[in-house]
Amino acid sequence: MSEGIRVASLDDVEEGEGIAISKEVTGTEDDIAILRDEAGFCWALNDTCTHETASLADGWVEDGDVECPLHASKFNLKTGEVDGLPATQDTVAHRVEVRDGEIYLFPNEKPV
């Protein structure tokens, strides 16, 4: 098992918000949104909304979902499943870990 990629400090991501990590860093097909919920937990989803080209990192994190800033599609933080239209295609969820205040991403690994 890999050690993951350190992508940010926990302090870099405010509760209820997100940041985008470039695909050049992650080695994935899309940038990755690192999202932090109201309880302080971190989640990782492909950054581009599956409905329109908008950054989920720029969306709103609330009640276990991230809401796209463009047309308000909602995606489940844990699974990437669509929880609100107009999107109809799920996005990809990635495993993320916080260790000693640092956020580590495990690209293309399912969250546990």
PDB file of N, CA and C in Angstrom:
ATOM      1  N   MET A   1       0.846  -1.175   0.000  1.00  0.00           N
ATOM      2  CA  MET A   1       0.000   0.000   0.000  1.00  0.00           C
ATOM      3  C   MET A   1       0.893   1.241   0.000  1.00  0.00           C
ATOM      4  N   SER A   2       0.527   2.235  -0.755  1.00  0.00           N
ATOM      5  CA  SER A   2       1.328   3.446  -0.850  1.00  0.00           C
ATOM      6  C   SER A   2       1.135   4.324   0.378  1.00  0.00           C
ATOM      7  N   GLU A   3       2.010   5.273   0.526  1.00  0.00           N
ATOM      8  CA  GLU A   3       1.936   6.231   1.627  1.00  0.00           C
ATOM      9  C   GLU A   3       0.997   7.387   1.294  1.00  0.00           C
ATOM     10  N   GLY A   4       0.556   7.467   0.046  1.00  0.00           N
ATOM     11  CA  GLY A   4      -0.281   8.587  -0.375  1.00  0.00           C
ATOM     12  C   GLY A   4       0.562   9.773  -0.801  1.00  0.00           C
ATOM     13  N   ILE A   5      -0.110  10.785  -1.333  1.00  0.00           N
ATOM     14  CA  ILE A   5       0.536  12.015  -1.779  1.00  0.00           C
ATOM     15  C   ILE A   5       0.113  13.126  -0.829  1.00  0.00           C
ATOM     16  N   ARG A   6       1.064  13.788  -0.198  1.00  0.00           N
ATOM     17  CA  ARG A   6       0.709  14.926   0.642  1.00  0.00           C
ATOM     18  C   ARG A   6       0.266  16.064  -0.269  1.00  0.00           C
ATOM     19  N   VAL A   7      -0.991  16.497  -0.106  1.00  0.00           N
ATOM     20  CA  VAL A   7      -1.541  17.498  -1.019  1.00  0.00           C
ATOM     21  C   VAL A   7      -1.824  18.839  -0.355  1.00  0.00           C
ATOM     22  N   ALA A   8      -1.935  18.859   0.980  1.00  0.00           N
ATOM     23  CA  ALA A   8      -2.240  20.117   1.662  1.00  0.00           C
ATOM     24  C   ALA A   8      -2.128  19.923   3.161  1.00  0.00           C
ATOM     25  N   SER A   9      -2.120  21.030   3.853  1.00  0.00           N
ATOM     26  CA  SER A   9      -2.239  21.028   5.301  1.00  0.00           C
ATOM     27  C   SER A   9      -3.725  21.131   5.627  1.00  0.00           C
ATOM     28  N   LEU A  10      -4.139  20.576   6.737  1.00  0.00           N
ATOM     29  CA  LEU A  10      -5.536  20.662   7.143  1.00  0.00           C
ATOM     30  C   LEU A  10      -5.984  22.117   7.250  1.00  0.00           C
ATOM     31  N   ASP A  11      -5.081  22.987   7.668  1.00  0.00           N
ATOM     32  CA  ASP A  11      -5.395  24.415   7.786  1.00  0.00           C
ATOM     33  C   ASP A  11      -5.645  25.088   6.436  1.00  0.00           C
ATOM     34  N   ASP A  12      -5.241  24.439   5.338  1.00  0.00           N
ATOM     35  CA  ASP A  12      -5.443  25.008   4.002  1.00  0.00           C
ATOM     36  C   ASP A  12      -6.893  24.894   3.527  1.00  0.00           C
ATOM     37  N   VAL A  13      -7.680  24.038   4.181  1.00  0.00           N
ATOM     38  CA  VAL A  13      -9.052  23.785   3.739  1.00  0.00           C
ATOM     39  C   VAL A  13     -10.005  24.135   4.878  1.00  0.00           C
ATOM     40  N   GLU A  14     -10.748  25.212   4.713  1.00  0.00           N
ATOM     41  CA  GLU A  14     -11.723  25.638   5.720  1.00  0.00           C
ATOM     42  C   GLU A  14     -12.887  24.658   5.772  1.00  0.00           C
ATOM     43  N   GLU A  15     -13.486  24.499   6.940  1.00  0.00           N
ATOM     44  CA  GLU A  15     -14.679  23.657   7.055  1.00  0.00           C
ATOM     45  C   GLU A  15     -15.768  24.213   6.153  1.00  0.00           C
ATOM     46  N   GLY A  16     -16.433  23.315   5.408  1.00  0.00           N
ATOM     47  CA  GLY A  16     -17.492  23.712   4.483  1.00  0.00           C
ATOM     48  C   GLY A  16     -16.996  24.154   3.123  1.00  0.00           C
ATOM     49  N   GLU A  17     -15.687  24.020   2.878  1.00  0.00           N
ATOM     50  CA  GLU A  17     -15.113  24.474   1.605  1.00  0.00           C
ATOM     51  C   GLU A  17     -14.192  23.416   1.017  1.00  0.00           C
ATOM     52  N   GLY A  18     -13.544  23.765  -0.090  1.00  0.00           N
ATOM     53  CA  GLY A  18     -12.648  22.837  -0.749  1.00  0.00           C
ATOM     54  C   GLY A  18     -11.521  23.541  -1.470  1.00  0.00           C
ATOM     55  N   ILE A  19     -10.544  22.758  -1.893  1.00  0.00           N
ATOM     56  CA  ILE A  19      -9.449  23.235  -2.736  1.00  0.00           C
ATOM     57  C   ILE A  19      -9.247  22.221  -3.853  1.00  0.00           C
ATOM     58  N   ALA A  20      -8.748  22.677  -4.981  1.00  0.00           N
ATOM     59  CA  ALA A  20      -8.471  21.790  -6.111  1.00  0.00           C
ATOM     60  C   ALA A  20      -6.986  21.465  -6.152  1.00  0.00           C
ATOM     61  N   ILE A  21      -6.695  20.190  -6.378  1.00  0.00           N
ATOM     62  CA  ILE A  21      -5.315  19.727  -6.538  1.00  0.00           C
ATOM     63  C   ILE A  21      -5.148  19.322  -8.003  1.00  0.00           C
ATOM     64  N   SER A  22      -4.151  19.864  -8.649  1.00  0.00           N
ATOM     65  CA  SER A  22      -3.921  19.653 -10.074  1.00  0.00           C
ATOM     66  C   SER A  22      -3.681  18.184 -10.426  1.00  0.00           C
ATOM     67  N   LYS A  23      -4.191  17.789 -11.574  1.00  0.00           N
ATOM     68  CA  LYS A  23      -3.980  16.421 -12.055  1.00  0.00           C
ATOM     69  C   LYS A  23      -2.505  16.142 -12.333  1.00  0.00           C
ATOM     70  N   GLU A  24      -1.696  17.186 -12.533  1.00  0.00           N
ATOM     71  CA  GLU A  24      -0.257  16.999 -12.698  1.00  0.00           C
ATOM     72  C   GLU A  24       0.366  16.496 -11.396  1.00  0.00           C
ATOM     73  N   VAL A  25      -0.210  16.870 -10.269  1.00  0.00           N
ATOM     74  CA  VAL A  25       0.268  16.419  -8.957  1.00  0.00           C
ATOM     75  C   VAL A  25      -0.270  15.025  -8.645  1.00  0.00           C
ATOM     76  N   THR A  26      -1.546  14.793  -8.973  1.00  0.00           N
ATOM     77  CA  THR A  26      -2.213  13.545  -8.576  1.00  0.00           C
ATOM     78  C   THR A  26      -2.013  12.397  -9.553  1.00  0.00           C
ATOM     79  N   GLY A  27      -1.693  12.711 -10.805  1.00  0.00           N
ATOM     80  CA  GLY A  27      -1.546  11.675 -11.825  1.00  0.00           C
ATOM     81  C   GLY A  27      -2.877  11.097 -12.289  1.00  0.00           C
ATOM     82  N   THR A  28      -3.961  11.805 -12.035  1.00  0.00           N
ATOM     83  CA  THR A  28      -5.300  11.356 -12.412  1.00  0.00           C
ATOM     84  C   THR A  28      -5.766  12.056 -13.685  1.00  0.00           C
ATOM     85  N   GLU A  29      -6.898  11.591 -14.240  1.00  0.00           N
ATOM     86  CA  GLU A  29      -7.435  12.194 -15.460  1.00  0.00           C
ATOM     87  C   GLU A  29      -8.037  13.569 -15.210  1.00  0.00           C
ATOM     88  N   ASP A  30      -8.465  13.823 -13.981  1.00  0.00           N
ATOM     89  CA  ASP A  30      -9.096  15.098 -13.618  1.00  0.00           C
ATOM     90  C   ASP A  30      -8.379  15.647 -12.388  1.00  0.00           C
ATOM     91  N   ASP A  31      -8.490  16.960 -12.171  1.00  0.00           N
ATOM     92  CA  ASP A  31      -8.044  17.519 -10.915  1.00  0.00           C
ATOM     93  C   ASP A  31      -8.876  16.876  -9.807  1.00  0.00           C
ATOM     94  N   ILE A  32      -8.391  16.934  -8.581  1.00  0.00           N
ATOM     95  CA  ILE A  32      -9.095  16.354  -7.442  1.00  0.00           C
ATOM     96  C   ILE A  32      -9.495  17.477  -6.484  1.00  0.00           C
ATOM     97  N   ALA A  33     -10.765  17.476  -6.078  1.00  0.00           N
ATOM     98  CA  ALA A  33     -11.249  18.423  -5.070  1.00  0.00           C
ATOM     99  C   ALA A  33     -11.072  17.795  -3.700  1.00  0.00           C
ATOM    100  N   ILE A  34     -10.360  18.484  -2.827  1.00  0.00           N
ATOM    101  CA  ILE A  34     -10.260  18.087  -1.427  1.00  0.00           C
ATOM    102  C   ILE A  34     -11.288  18.933  -0.695  1.00  0.00           C
ATOM    103  N   LEU A  35     -12.250  18.276  -0.069  1.00  0.00           N
ATOM    104  CA  LEU A  35     -13.397  18.955   0.536  1.00  0.00           C
ATOM    105  C   LEU A  35     -13.440  18.648   2.027  1.00  0.00           C
ATOM    106  N   ARG A  36     -13.797  19.659   2.817  1.00  0.00           N
ATOM    107  CA  ARG A  36     -13.851  19.477   4.277  1.00  0.00           C
ATOM    108  C   ARG A  36     -15.264  19.758   4.770  1.00  0.00           C
ATOM    109  N   ASP A  37     -15.849  18.783   5.446  1.00  0.00           N
ATOM    110  CA  ASP A  37     -17.230  18.945   5.910  1.00  0.00           C
ATOM    111  C   ASP A  37     -17.299  19.726   7.225  1.00  0.00           C
ATOM    112  N   GLU A  38     -18.532  19.941   7.707  1.00  0.00           N
ATOM    113  CA  GLU A  38     -18.762  20.753   8.903  1.00  0.00           C
ATOM    114  C   GLU A  38     -18.156  20.122  10.153  1.00  0.00           C
ATOM    115  N   ALA A  39     -17.954  18.808  10.144  1.00  0.00           N
ATOM    116  CA  ALA A  39     -17.362  18.107  11.289  1.00  0.00           C
ATOM    117  C   ALA A  39     -15.831  18.101  11.225  1.00  0.00           C
ATOM    118  N   GLY A  40     -15.272  18.646  10.128  1.00  0.00           N
ATOM    119  CA  GLY A  40     -13.828  18.722   9.983  1.00  0.00           C
ATOM    120  C   GLY A  40     -13.194  17.573   9.222  1.00  0.00           C
ATOM    121  N   PHE A  41     -14.029  16.598   8.765  1.00  0.00           N
ATOM    122  CA  PHE A  41     -13.497  15.465   7.998  1.00  0.00           C
ATOM    123  C   PHE A  41     -13.203  15.884   6.564  1.00  0.00           C
ATOM    124  N   CYS A  42     -12.195  15.256   5.956  1.00  0.00           N
ATOM    125  CA  CYS A  42     -11.814  15.558   4.575  1.00  0.00           C
ATOM    126  C   CYS A  42     -12.245  14.440   3.648  1.00  0.00           C
ATOM    127  N   TRP A  43     -12.598  14.840   2.429  1.00  0.00           N
ATOM    128  CA  TRP A  43     -13.061  13.927   1.385  1.00  0.00           C
ATOM    129  C   TRP A  43     -12.408  14.339   0.083  1.00  0.00           C
ATOM    130  N   ALA A  44     -12.364  13.427  -0.884  1.00  0.00           N
ATOM    131  CA  ALA A  44     -11.759  13.733  -2.182  1.00  0.00           C
ATOM    132  C   ALA A  44     -12.643  13.205  -3.302  1.00  0.00           C
ATOM    133  N   LEU A  45     -12.967  14.084  -4.241  1.00  0.00           N
ATOM    134  CA  LEU A  45     -13.762  13.740  -5.424  1.00  0.00           C
ATOM    135  C   LEU A  45     -13.083  14.318  -6.651  1.00  0.00           C
ATOM    136  N   ASN A  46     -13.350  13.708  -7.828  1.00  0.00           N
ATOM    137  CA  ASN A  46     -12.915  14.373  -9.054  1.00  0.00           C
ATOM    138  C   ASN A  46     -13.482  15.784  -9.029  1.00  0.00           C
ATOM    139  N   ASP A  47     -12.697  16.746  -9.467  1.00  0.00           N
ATOM    140  CA  ASP A  47     -13.071  18.151  -9.306  1.00  0.00           C
ATOM    141  C   ASP A  47     -14.127  18.633 -10.292  1.00  0.00           C
ATOM    142  N   THR A  48     -14.190  18.088 -11.476  1.00  0.00           N
ATOM    143  CA  THR A  48     -15.097  18.606 -12.491  1.00  0.00           C
ATOM    144  C   THR A  48     -16.487  18.002 -12.345  1.00  0.00           C
ATOM    145  N   CYS A  49     -17.490  18.859 -12.222  1.00  0.00           N
ATOM    146  CA  CYS A  49     -18.882  18.412 -12.146  1.00  0.00           C
ATOM    147  C   CYS A  49     -19.217  17.604 -13.396  1.00  0.00           C
ATOM    148  N   THR A  50     -19.959  16.524 -13.230  1.00  0.00           N
ATOM    149  CA  THR A  50     -20.302  15.671 -14.375  1.00  0.00           C
ATOM    150  C   THR A  50     -21.426  16.254 -15.221  1.00  0.00           C
ATOM    151  N   HIS A  51     -22.063  17.313 -14.766  1.00  0.00           N
ATOM    152  CA  HIS A  51     -23.142  17.946 -15.533  1.00  0.00           C
ATOM    153  C   HIS A  51     -22.609  19.041 -16.456  1.00  0.00           C
ATOM    154  N   GLU A  52     -21.805  19.915 -15.922  1.00  0.00           N
ATOM    155  CA  GLU A  52     -21.200  21.008 -16.681  1.00  0.00           C
ATOM    156  C   GLU A  52     -19.765  21.169 -16.195  1.00  0.00           C
ATOM    157  N   THR A  53     -18.980  21.909 -16.917  1.00  0.00           N
ATOM    158  CA  THR A  53     -17.587  22.099 -16.538  1.00  0.00           C
ATOM    159  C   THR A  53     -17.498  23.165 -15.458  1.00  0.00           C
ATOM    160  N   ALA A  54     -17.577  22.731 -14.208  1.00  0.00           N
ATOM    161  CA  ALA A  54     -17.431  23.616 -13.060  1.00  0.00           C
ATOM    162  C   ALA A  54     -16.627  22.876 -12.000  1.00  0.00           C
ATOM    163  N   SER A  55     -15.923  23.619 -11.186  1.00  0.00           N
ATOM    164  CA  SER A  55     -15.073  23.038 -10.149  1.00  0.00           C
ATOM    165  C   SER A  55     -15.878  22.768  -8.884  1.00  0.00           C
ATOM    166  N   LEU A  56     -15.909  21.503  -8.457  1.00  0.00           N
ATOM    167  CA  LEU A  56     -16.585  21.164  -7.210  1.00  0.00           C
ATOM    168  C   LEU A  56     -15.865  21.769  -6.008  1.00  0.00           C
ATOM    169  N   ALA A  57     -14.571  22.023  -6.135  1.00  0.00           N
ATOM    170  CA  ALA A  57     -13.828  22.663  -5.048  1.00  0.00           C
ATOM    171  C   ALA A  57     -14.363  24.059  -4.764  1.00  0.00           C
ATOM    172  N   ASP A  58     -15.017  24.671  -5.745  1.00  0.00           N
ATOM    173  CA  ASP A  58     -15.617  25.996  -5.577  1.00  0.00           C
ATOM    174  C   ASP A  58     -17.051  25.915  -5.058  1.00  0.00           C
ATOM    175  N   GLY A  59     -17.529  24.695  -4.824  1.00  0.00           N
ATOM    176  CA  GLY A  59     -18.906  24.494  -4.373  1.00  0.00           C
ATOM    177  C   GLY A  59     -19.059  24.627  -2.875  1.00  0.00           C
ATOM    178  N   TRP A  60     -20.243  24.240  -2.391  1.00  0.00           N
ATOM    179  CA  TRP A  60     -20.585  24.339  -0.975  1.00  0.00           C
ATOM    180  C   TRP A  60     -20.692  22.945  -0.388  1.00  0.00           C
ATOM    181  N   VAL A  61     -20.051  22.741   0.746  1.00  0.00           N
ATOM    182  CA  VAL A  61     -20.065  21.451   1.424  1.00  0.00           C
ATOM    183  C   VAL A  61     -21.045  21.546   2.584  1.00  0.00           C
ATOM    184  N   GLU A  62     -22.054  20.650   2.538  1.00  0.00           N
ATOM    185  CA  GLU A  62     -23.081  20.688   3.577  1.00  0.00           C
ATOM    186  C   GLU A  62     -23.845  19.367   3.601  1.00  0.00           C
ATOM    187  N   ASP A  63     -24.136  18.888   4.796  1.00  0.00           N
ATOM    188  CA  ASP A  63     -24.975  17.699   4.988  1.00  0.00           C
ATOM    189  C   ASP A  63     -24.496  16.486   4.192  1.00  0.00           C
ATOM    190  N   GLY A  64     -23.180  16.265   4.134  1.00  0.00           N
ATOM    191  CA  GLY A  64     -22.635  15.090   3.476  1.00  0.00           C
ATOM    192  C   GLY A  64     -22.529  15.172   1.971  1.00  0.00           C
ATOM    193  N   ASP A  65     -22.783  16.356   1.409  1.00  0.00           N
ATOM    194  CA  ASP A  65     -22.726  16.562  -0.040  1.00  0.00           C
ATOM    195  C   ASP A  65     -21.865  17.780  -0.364  1.00  0.00           C
ATOM    196  N   VAL A  66     -21.430  17.835  -1.626  1.00  0.00           N
ATOM    197  CA  VAL A  66     -20.887  19.069  -2.171  1.00  0.00           C
ATOM    198  C   VAL A  66     -21.856  19.505  -3.267  1.00  0.00           C
ATOM    199  N   GLU A  67     -22.195  20.788  -3.267  1.00  0.00           N
ATOM    200  CA  GLU A  67     -23.106  21.348  -4.262  1.00  0.00           C
ATOM    201  C   GLU A  67     -22.308  22.129  -5.287  1.00  0.00           C
ATOM    202  N   CYS A  68     -22.491  21.779  -6.546  1.00  0.00           N
ATOM    203  CA  CYS A  68     -21.792  22.460  -7.635  1.00  0.00           C
ATOM    204  C   CYS A  68     -22.204  23.938  -7.672  1.00  0.00           C
ATOM    205  N   PRO A  69     -21.242  24.846  -7.855  1.00  0.00           N
ATOM    206  CA  PRO A  69     -21.565  26.272  -7.866  1.00  0.00           C
ATOM    207  C   PRO A  69     -22.282  26.742  -9.126  1.00  0.00           C
ATOM    208  N   LEU A  70     -22.316  25.918 -10.167  1.00  0.00           N
ATOM    209  CA  LEU A  70     -22.908  26.366 -11.429  1.00  0.00           C
ATOM    210  C   LEU A  70     -24.408  26.101 -11.503  1.00  0.00           C
ATOM    211  N   HIS A  71     -24.840  24.858 -11.334  1.00  0.00           N
ATOM    212  CA  HIS A  71     -26.259  24.519 -11.465  1.00  0.00           C
ATOM    213  C   HIS A  71     -26.811  23.758 -10.270  1.00  0.00           C
ATOM    214  N   ALA A  72     -26.068  23.720  -9.164  1.00  0.00           N
ATOM    215  CA  ALA A  72     -26.522  23.154  -7.888  1.00  0.00           C
ATOM    216  C   ALA A  72     -26.669  21.632  -7.877  1.00  0.00           C
ATOM    217  N   SER A  73     -25.999  20.926  -8.789  1.00  0.00           N
ATOM    218  CA  SER A  73     -25.958  19.459  -8.675  1.00  0.00           C
ATOM    219  C   SER A  73     -25.281  19.120  -7.359  1.00  0.00           C
ATOM    220  N   LYS A  74     -25.696  18.015  -6.748  1.00  0.00           N
ATOM    221  CA  LYS A  74     -25.094  17.599  -5.476  1.00  0.00           C
ATOM    222  C   LYS A  74     -24.488  16.212  -5.615  1.00  0.00           C
ATOM    223  N   PHE A  75     -23.323  16.034  -4.975  1.00  0.00           N
ATOM    224  CA  PHE A  75     -22.609  14.764  -4.993  1.00  0.00           C
ATOM    225  C   PHE A  75     -22.283  14.361  -3.564  1.00  0.00           C
ATOM    226  N   ASN A  76     -22.480  13.079  -3.255  1.00  0.00           N
ATOM    227  CA  ASN A  76     -22.172  12.540  -1.943  1.00  0.00           C
ATOM    228  C   ASN A  76     -20.668  12.556  -1.728  1.00  0.00           C
ATOM    229  N   LEU A  77     -20.232  13.100  -0.594  1.00  0.00           N
ATOM    230  CA  LEU A  77     -18.802  13.209  -0.309  1.00  0.00           C
ATOM    231  C   LEU A  77     -18.122  11.855  -0.169  1.00  0.00           C
ATOM    232  N   LYS A  78     -18.825  10.866   0.381  1.00  0.00           N
ATOM    233  CA  LYS A  78     -18.231   9.551   0.642  1.00  0.00           C
ATOM    234  C   LYS A  78     -18.140   8.684  -0.606  1.00  0.00           C
ATOM    235  N   THR A  79     -19.159   8.766  -1.470  1.00  0.00           N
ATOM    236  CA  THR A  79     -19.259   7.829  -2.590  1.00  0.00           C
ATOM    237  C   THR A  79     -19.120   8.466  -3.967  1.00  0.00           C
ATOM    238  N   GLY A  80     -19.350   9.767  -4.067  1.00  0.00           N
ATOM    239  CA  GLY A  80     -19.355  10.440  -5.359  1.00  0.00           C
ATOM    240  C   GLY A  80     -20.679  10.309  -6.095  1.00  0.00           C
ATOM    241  N   GLU A  81     -21.652   9.632  -5.484  1.00  0.00           N
ATOM    242  CA  GLU A  81     -22.955   9.434  -6.142  1.00  0.00           C
ATOM    243  C   GLU A  81     -23.725  10.747  -6.204  1.00  0.00           C
ATOM    244  N   VAL A  82     -24.517  10.896  -7.272  1.00  0.00           N
ATOM    245  CA  VAL A  82     -25.362  12.072  -7.444  1.00  0.00           C
ATOM    246  C   VAL A  82     -26.446  12.059  -6.370  1.00  0.00           C
ATOM    247  N   ASP A  83     -26.574  13.169  -5.651  1.00  0.00           N
ATOM    248  CA  ASP A  83     -27.623  13.335  -4.649  1.00  0.00           C
ATOM    249  C   ASP A  83     -28.574  14.470  -5.002  1.00  0.00           C
ATOM    250  N   GLY A  84     -28.350  15.099  -6.148  1.00  0.00           N
ATOM    251  CA  GLY A  84     -29.226  16.190  -6.559  1.00  0.00           C
ATOM    252  C   GLY A  84     -29.015  16.548  -8.012  1.00  0.00           C
ATOM    253  N   LEU A  85     -30.105  16.651  -8.752  1.00  0.00           N
ATOM    254  CA  LEU A  85     -30.084  17.008 -10.172  1.00  0.00           C
ATOM    255  C   LEU A  85     -29.621  18.454 -10.329  1.00  0.00           C
ATOM    256  N   PRO A  86     -29.161  18.836 -11.521  1.00  0.00           N
ATOM    257  CA  PRO A  86     -29.365  18.215 -12.818  1.00  0.00           C
ATOM    258  C   PRO A  86     -28.343  17.145 -13.209  1.00  0.00           C
ATOM    259  N   ALA A  87     -27.266  16.962 -12.450  1.00  0.00           N
ATOM    260  CA  ALA A  87     -26.307  15.900 -12.797  1.00  0.00           C
ATOM    261  C   ALA A  87     -26.991  14.539 -12.701  1.00  0.00           C
ATOM    262  N   THR A  88     -26.625  13.639 -13.597  1.00  0.00           N
ATOM    263  CA  THR A  88     -27.163  12.272 -13.574  1.00  0.00           C
ATOM    264  C   THR A  88     -26.043  11.237 -13.531  1.00  0.00           C
ATOM    265  N   GLN A  89     -24.806  11.671 -13.701  1.00  0.00           N
ATOM    266  CA  GLN A  89     -23.653  10.763 -13.683  1.00  0.00           C
ATOM    267  C   GLN A  89     -22.838  10.993 -12.415  1.00  0.00           C
ATOM    268  N   ASP A  90     -22.539   9.911 -11.703  1.00  0.00           N
ATOM    269  CA  ASP A  90     -21.720   9.991 -10.489  1.00  0.00           C
ATOM    270  C   ASP A  90     -20.322  10.485 -10.829  1.00  0.00           C
ATOM    271  N   THR A  91     -19.627  10.979  -9.824  1.00  0.00           N
ATOM    272  CA  THR A  91     -18.225  11.334  -9.972  1.00  0.00           C
ATOM    273  C   THR A  91     -17.390  10.289  -9.224  1.00  0.00           C
ATOM    274  N   VAL A  92     -16.080  10.429  -9.261  1.00  0.00           N
ATOM    275  CA  VAL A  92     -15.186   9.448  -8.642  1.00  0.00           C
ATOM    276  C   VAL A  92     -14.747   9.944  -7.264  1.00  0.00           C
ATOM    277  N   ALA A  93     -14.896   9.089  -6.264  1.00  0.00           N
ATOM    278  CA  ALA A  93     -14.401   9.378  -4.916  1.00  0.00           C
ATOM    279  C   ALA A  93     -13.042   8.708  -4.736  1.00  0.00           C
ATOM    280  N   HIS A  94     -12.161   9.375  -4.019  1.00  0.00           N
ATOM    281  CA  HIS A  94     -10.809   8.877  -3.771  1.00  0.00           C
ATOM    282  C   HIS A  94     -10.564   8.833  -2.264  1.00  0.00           C
ATOM    283  N   ARG A  95      -9.702   7.930  -1.859  1.00  0.00           N
ATOM    284  CA  ARG A  95      -9.359   7.822  -0.437  1.00  0.00           C
ATOM    285  C   ARG A  95      -8.468   8.987  -0.032  1.00  0.00           C
ATOM    286  N   VAL A  96      -8.742   9.524   1.141  1.00  0.00           N
ATOM    287  CA  VAL A  96      -7.948  10.615   1.699  1.00  0.00           C
ATOM    288  C   VAL A  96      -7.744  10.325   3.182  1.00  0.00           C
ATOM    289  N   GLU A  97      -6.602  10.739   3.705  1.00  0.00           N
ATOM    290  CA  GLU A  97      -6.250  10.514   5.109  1.00  0.00           C
ATOM    291  C   GLU A  97      -5.646  11.788   5.671  1.00  0.00           C
ATOM    292  N   VAL A  98      -5.916  12.061   6.931  1.00  0.00           N
ATOM    293  CA  VAL A  98      -5.262  13.176   7.616  1.00  0.00           C
ATOM    294  C   VAL A  98      -4.330  12.577   8.663  1.00  0.00           C
ATOM    295  N   ARG A  99      -3.054  12.960   8.571  1.00  0.00           N
ATOM    296  CA  ARG A  99      -2.037  12.494   9.519  1.00  0.00           C
ATOM    297  C   ARG A  99      -1.235  13.695  10.007  1.00  0.00           C
ATOM    298  N   ASP A 100      -1.211  13.888  11.308  1.00  0.00           N
ATOM    299  CA  ASP A 100      -0.443  14.980  11.906  1.00  0.00           C
ATOM    300  C   ASP A 100      -0.745  16.329  11.252  1.00  0.00           C
ATOM    301  N   GLY A 101      -2.033  16.576  10.960  1.00  0.00           N
ATOM    302  CA  GLY A 101      -2.447  17.858  10.391  1.00  0.00           C
ATOM    303  C   GLY A 101      -2.172  18.020   8.913  1.00  0.00           C
ATOM    304  N   GLU A 102      -1.751  16.947   8.249  1.00  0.00           N
ATOM    305  CA  GLU A 102      -1.462  16.990   6.816  1.00  0.00           C
ATOM    306  C   GLU A 102      -2.447  16.080   6.082  1.00  0.00           C
ATOM    307  N   ILE A 103      -2.874  16.495   4.887  1.00  0.00           N
ATOM    308  CA  ILE A 103      -3.834  15.732   4.087  1.00  0.00           C
ATOM    309  C   ILE A 103      -3.080  14.929   3.037  1.00  0.00           C
ATOM    310  N   TYR A 104      -3.347  13.624   3.029  1.00  0.00           N
ATOM    311  CA  TYR A 104      -2.736  12.710   2.061  1.00  0.00           C
ATOM    312  C   TYR A 104      -3.825  12.127   1.176  1.00  0.00           C
ATOM    313  N   LEU A 105      -3.579  12.148  -0.121  1.00  0.00           N
ATOM    314  CA  LEU A 105      -4.503  11.632  -1.121  1.00  0.00           C
ATOM    315  C   LEU A 105      -3.979  10.317  -1.673  1.00  0.00           C
ATOM    316  N   PHE A 106      -4.902   9.381  -1.864  1.00  0.00           N
ATOM    317  CA  PHE A 106      -4.593   8.089  -2.474  1.00  0.00           C
ATOM    318  C   PHE A 106      -5.410   8.012  -3.767  1.00  0.00           C
ATOM    319  N   PRO A 107      -4.880   8.572  -4.852  1.00  0.00           N
ATOM    320  CA  PRO A 107      -5.643   8.650  -6.097  1.00  0.00           C
ATOM    321  C   PRO A 107      -6.117   7.284  -6.586  1.00  0.00           C
ATOM    322  N   ASN A 108      -7.357   7.248  -7.019  1.00  0.00           N
ATOM    323  CA  ASN A 108      -8.008   6.070  -7.592  1.00  0.00           C
ATOM    324  C   ASN A 108      -8.199   4.919  -6.603  1.00  0.00           C
ATOM    325  N   GLU A 109      -7.973   5.153  -5.324  1.00  0.00           N
ATOM    326  CA  GLU A 109      -8.311   4.170  -4.297  1.00  0.00           C
ATOM    327  C   GLU A 109      -9.656   4.547  -3.698  1.00  0.00           C
ATOM    328  N   LYS A 110     -10.533   3.556  -3.547  1.00  0.00           N
ATOM    329  CA  LYS A 110     -11.855   3.803  -2.960  1.00  0.00           C
ATOM    330  C   LYS A 110     -11.697   4.224  -1.502  1.00  0.00           C
ATOM    331  N   PRO A 111     -12.542   5.166  -1.063  1.00  0.00           N
ATOM    332  CA  PRO A 111     -12.525   5.550   0.358  1.00  0.00           C
ATOM    333  C   PRO A 111     -12.908   4.367   1.231  1.00  0.00           C
ATOM    334  N   VAL A 112     -12.375   4.326   2.451  1.00  0.00           N
ATOM    335  CA  VAL A 112     -12.701   3.262   3.395  1.00  0.00           C
ATOM    336  C   VAL A 112     -13.630   3.747   4.469  1.00  0.00           C
TER     337      VAL A 112
END
